[in-house]
C-alpha cells in the first residue's frame, strides 16, 4: 500500500514535466516547419541554376564536355 502511494505521488510530480515536454516539442515542431517553409520558398541562385544546366547538357551529350 505504501509503495502504491509513493508511485502515485511520483507519477503526479512527473505529469507537469510530461505536459511541459509535450508543449516544448510542439513549439519546436512549429518552428521547424516554419523554417522549412521559408527555405523551400527561397529562390534558387542563378549560379546554381547555371551549374545544373551545364550538367544536364553534359548528360545529353554523353558526358563529354
N, C-alpha and C. Protein backbone atom coordinates (compact mmCIF):
# COMPACT_ATOMS: atom_id res chain seq x y z
N UNK A 1 0.83 -1.19 0.00
CA UNK A 1 0.00 0.00 0.00
C UNK A 1 0.88 1.26 0.00
N UNK A 2 1.92 1.26 0.82
CA UNK A 2 2.82 2.41 0.87
C UNK A 2 3.53 2.58 -0.47
N UNK A 3 3.91 1.45 -1.08
CA UNK A 3 4.56 1.52 -2.39
C UNK A 3 3.63 2.16 -3.42
N UNK A 4 2.36 1.82 -3.38
CA UNK A 4 1.40 2.37 -4.34
C UNK A 4 1.23 3.88 -4.15
N UNK A 5 1.20 4.33 -2.92
CA UNK A 5 1.08 5.76 -2.63
C UNK A 5 2.30 6.50 -3.15
N UNK A 6 3.49 5.96 -2.91
CA UNK A 6 4.68 6.65 -3.38
C UNK A 6 4.76 6.65 -4.89
N UNK A 7 4.31 5.58 -5.56
CA UNK A 7 4.28 5.55 -7.02
C UNK A 7 3.31 6.60 -7.55
N UNK A 8 2.13 6.69 -6.92
CA UNK A 8 1.14 7.67 -7.35
C UNK A 8 1.65 9.09 -7.17
N UNK A 9 2.33 9.36 -6.06
CA UNK A 9 2.84 10.71 -5.83
C UNK A 9 3.95 11.04 -6.82
N UNK A 10 4.80 10.08 -7.14
CA UNK A 10 5.85 10.32 -8.14
C UNK A 10 5.23 10.56 -9.51
N UNK A 11 4.20 9.80 -9.84
CA UNK A 11 3.53 9.98 -11.12
C UNK A 11 2.90 11.37 -11.19
N UNK A 12 2.30 11.83 -10.11
CA UNK A 12 1.70 13.16 -10.08
C UNK A 12 2.76 14.25 -10.23
N UNK A 13 3.94 14.03 -9.65
CA UNK A 13 5.02 15.00 -9.79
C UNK A 13 5.54 15.06 -11.22
N UNK A 14 5.55 13.93 -11.91
CA UNK A 14 6.08 13.87 -13.27
C UNK A 14 5.10 14.38 -14.33
N UNK A 15 3.81 14.36 -14.04
CA UNK A 15 2.83 14.77 -15.04
C UNK A 15 3.03 16.18 -15.55
N UNK A 16 3.30 17.19 -14.72
CA UNK A 16 3.56 18.52 -15.26
C UNK A 16 4.80 18.53 -16.16
N UNK A 17 5.81 17.74 -15.81
CA UNK A 17 7.01 17.67 -16.63
C UNK A 17 6.70 17.08 -18.00
N UNK A 18 5.84 16.08 -18.04
CA UNK A 18 5.46 15.46 -19.31
C UNK A 18 4.69 16.47 -20.16
N UNK A 19 3.78 17.17 -19.56
CA UNK A 19 2.99 18.17 -20.29
C UNK A 19 3.90 19.30 -20.79
N UNK A 20 4.82 19.70 -19.95
CA UNK A 20 5.77 20.75 -20.33
C UNK A 20 6.64 20.28 -21.51
N UNK A 21 7.07 19.04 -21.45
CA UNK A 21 7.89 18.48 -22.54
C UNK A 21 7.09 18.42 -23.83
N UNK A 22 5.84 18.04 -23.76
CA UNK A 22 4.99 18.00 -24.95
C UNK A 22 4.83 19.39 -25.56
N UNK A 23 4.64 20.37 -24.71
CA UNK A 23 4.50 21.75 -25.21
C UNK A 23 5.78 22.22 -25.87
N UNK A 24 6.92 21.87 -25.27
CA UNK A 24 8.21 22.24 -25.88
C UNK A 24 8.38 21.58 -27.24
N UNK A 25 8.07 20.27 -27.30
CA UNK A 25 8.20 19.55 -28.57
C UNK A 25 7.28 20.15 -29.62
N UNK A 26 6.08 20.51 -29.23
CA UNK A 26 5.14 21.11 -30.17
C UNK A 26 5.67 22.45 -30.68
N UNK A 27 6.22 23.26 -29.79
CA UNK A 27 6.77 24.55 -30.19
C UNK A 27 7.96 24.37 -31.13
N UNK A 28 8.80 23.38 -30.84
CA UNK A 28 9.94 23.10 -31.72
C UNK A 28 9.45 22.66 -33.09
N UNK A 29 8.44 21.81 -33.13
CA UNK A 29 7.88 21.35 -34.40
C UNK A 29 7.33 22.49 -35.23
N UNK A 30 6.62 23.41 -34.59
CA UNK A 30 6.06 24.56 -35.30
C UNK A 30 7.19 25.41 -35.88
N UNK A 31 8.21 25.65 -35.08
CA UNK A 31 9.34 26.47 -35.53
C UNK A 31 10.08 25.79 -36.69
N UNK A 32 10.30 24.48 -36.60
CA UNK A 32 10.98 23.76 -37.68
C UNK A 32 10.17 23.80 -38.98
N UNK A 33 8.85 23.63 -38.87
CA UNK A 33 8.01 23.70 -40.08
C UNK A 33 8.09 25.08 -40.70
N UNK A 34 8.08 26.11 -39.87
CA UNK A 34 8.17 27.48 -40.37
C UNK A 34 9.50 27.70 -41.08
N UNK A 35 10.60 27.25 -40.47
CA UNK A 35 11.92 27.40 -41.08
C UNK A 35 12.00 26.63 -42.40
N UNK A 36 11.47 25.42 -42.42
CA UNK A 36 11.49 24.61 -43.63
C UNK A 36 10.71 25.30 -44.75
N UNK A 37 9.54 25.83 -44.43
CA UNK A 37 8.73 26.54 -45.43
C UNK A 37 9.49 27.74 -46.00
N UNK A 38 10.19 28.47 -45.14
CA UNK A 38 10.97 29.61 -45.62
C UNK A 38 12.06 29.18 -46.59
N UNK A 39 12.75 28.10 -46.24
CA UNK A 39 13.85 27.62 -47.09
C UNK A 39 13.32 27.10 -48.42
N UNK A 40 12.24 26.37 -48.39
CA UNK A 40 11.67 25.81 -49.61
C UNK A 40 11.24 26.92 -50.56
N UNK A 41 10.78 28.01 -50.03
CA UNK A 41 10.27 29.11 -50.86
C UNK A 41 11.35 30.11 -51.29
N UNK A 42 12.59 29.89 -50.86
CA UNK A 42 13.67 30.77 -51.30
C UNK A 42 13.98 30.53 -52.77
N UNK A 43 14.33 31.58 -53.51
CA UNK A 43 14.70 31.38 -54.91
C UNK A 43 16.04 30.66 -55.02
N UNK A 44 16.20 29.91 -56.12
CA UNK A 44 17.45 29.20 -56.37
C UNK A 44 18.44 30.20 -56.98
N UNK A 45 19.66 30.30 -56.45
CA UNK A 45 20.64 31.23 -57.01
C UNK A 45 20.94 30.93 -58.48
N UNK A 46 21.12 31.97 -59.26
CA UNK A 46 21.36 31.83 -60.70
C UNK A 46 22.62 31.01 -60.99
N UNK A 47 23.66 31.19 -60.20
CA UNK A 47 24.90 30.41 -60.38
C UNK A 47 24.63 28.90 -60.27
N UNK A 48 23.81 28.54 -59.30
CA UNK A 48 23.48 27.13 -59.11
C UNK A 48 22.67 26.62 -60.30
N UNK A 49 21.73 27.42 -60.78
CA UNK A 49 20.96 27.02 -61.96
C UNK A 49 21.85 26.82 -63.18
N UNK A 50 22.86 27.67 -63.33
CA UNK A 50 23.82 27.51 -64.43
C UNK A 50 24.57 26.18 -64.32
N UNK A 51 24.98 25.83 -63.13
CA UNK A 51 25.68 24.55 -62.92
C UNK A 51 24.76 23.39 -63.30
N UNK A 52 23.52 23.46 -62.89
CA UNK A 52 22.57 22.39 -63.23
C UNK A 52 22.33 22.30 -64.74
N UNK A 53 22.25 23.45 -65.41
CA UNK A 53 22.06 23.45 -66.87
C UNK A 53 23.25 22.80 -67.57
N UNK A 54 24.45 23.15 -67.14
CA UNK A 54 25.66 22.56 -67.74
C UNK A 54 25.72 21.06 -67.48
N UNK A 55 25.32 20.62 -66.31
CA UNK A 55 25.31 19.19 -66.00
C UNK A 55 24.31 18.47 -66.90
N UNK A 56 23.15 19.06 -67.10
CA UNK A 56 22.15 18.47 -68.00
C UNK A 56 22.67 18.39 -69.43
N UNK A 57 23.35 19.43 -69.88
CA UNK A 57 23.90 19.43 -71.25
C UNK A 57 24.96 18.33 -71.39
N UNK A 58 25.81 18.20 -70.39
CA UNK A 58 26.84 17.14 -70.42
C UNK A 58 26.20 15.76 -70.45
N UNK A 59 25.13 15.61 -69.73
CA UNK A 59 24.44 14.31 -69.66
C UNK A 59 23.86 13.97 -71.04
N UNK A 60 23.24 14.94 -71.70
CA UNK A 60 22.63 14.67 -73.01
C UNK A 60 23.69 14.47 -74.09
N UNK A 61 24.89 14.98 -73.87
CA UNK A 61 25.99 14.84 -74.83
C UNK A 61 26.85 13.61 -74.51
N UNK A 62 26.40 12.79 -73.62
CA UNK A 62 27.14 11.57 -73.29
C UNK A 62 28.27 11.77 -72.31
N UNK A 63 28.20 12.83 -71.53
CA UNK A 63 29.22 13.05 -70.51
C UNK A 63 30.46 13.74 -71.02
N UNK A 64 30.46 14.16 -72.27
CA UNK A 64 31.62 14.85 -72.82
C UNK A 64 31.46 16.35 -72.59
N UNK A 65 32.52 17.04 -72.32
CA UNK A 65 32.34 18.46 -72.16
C UNK A 65 33.46 19.16 -71.69
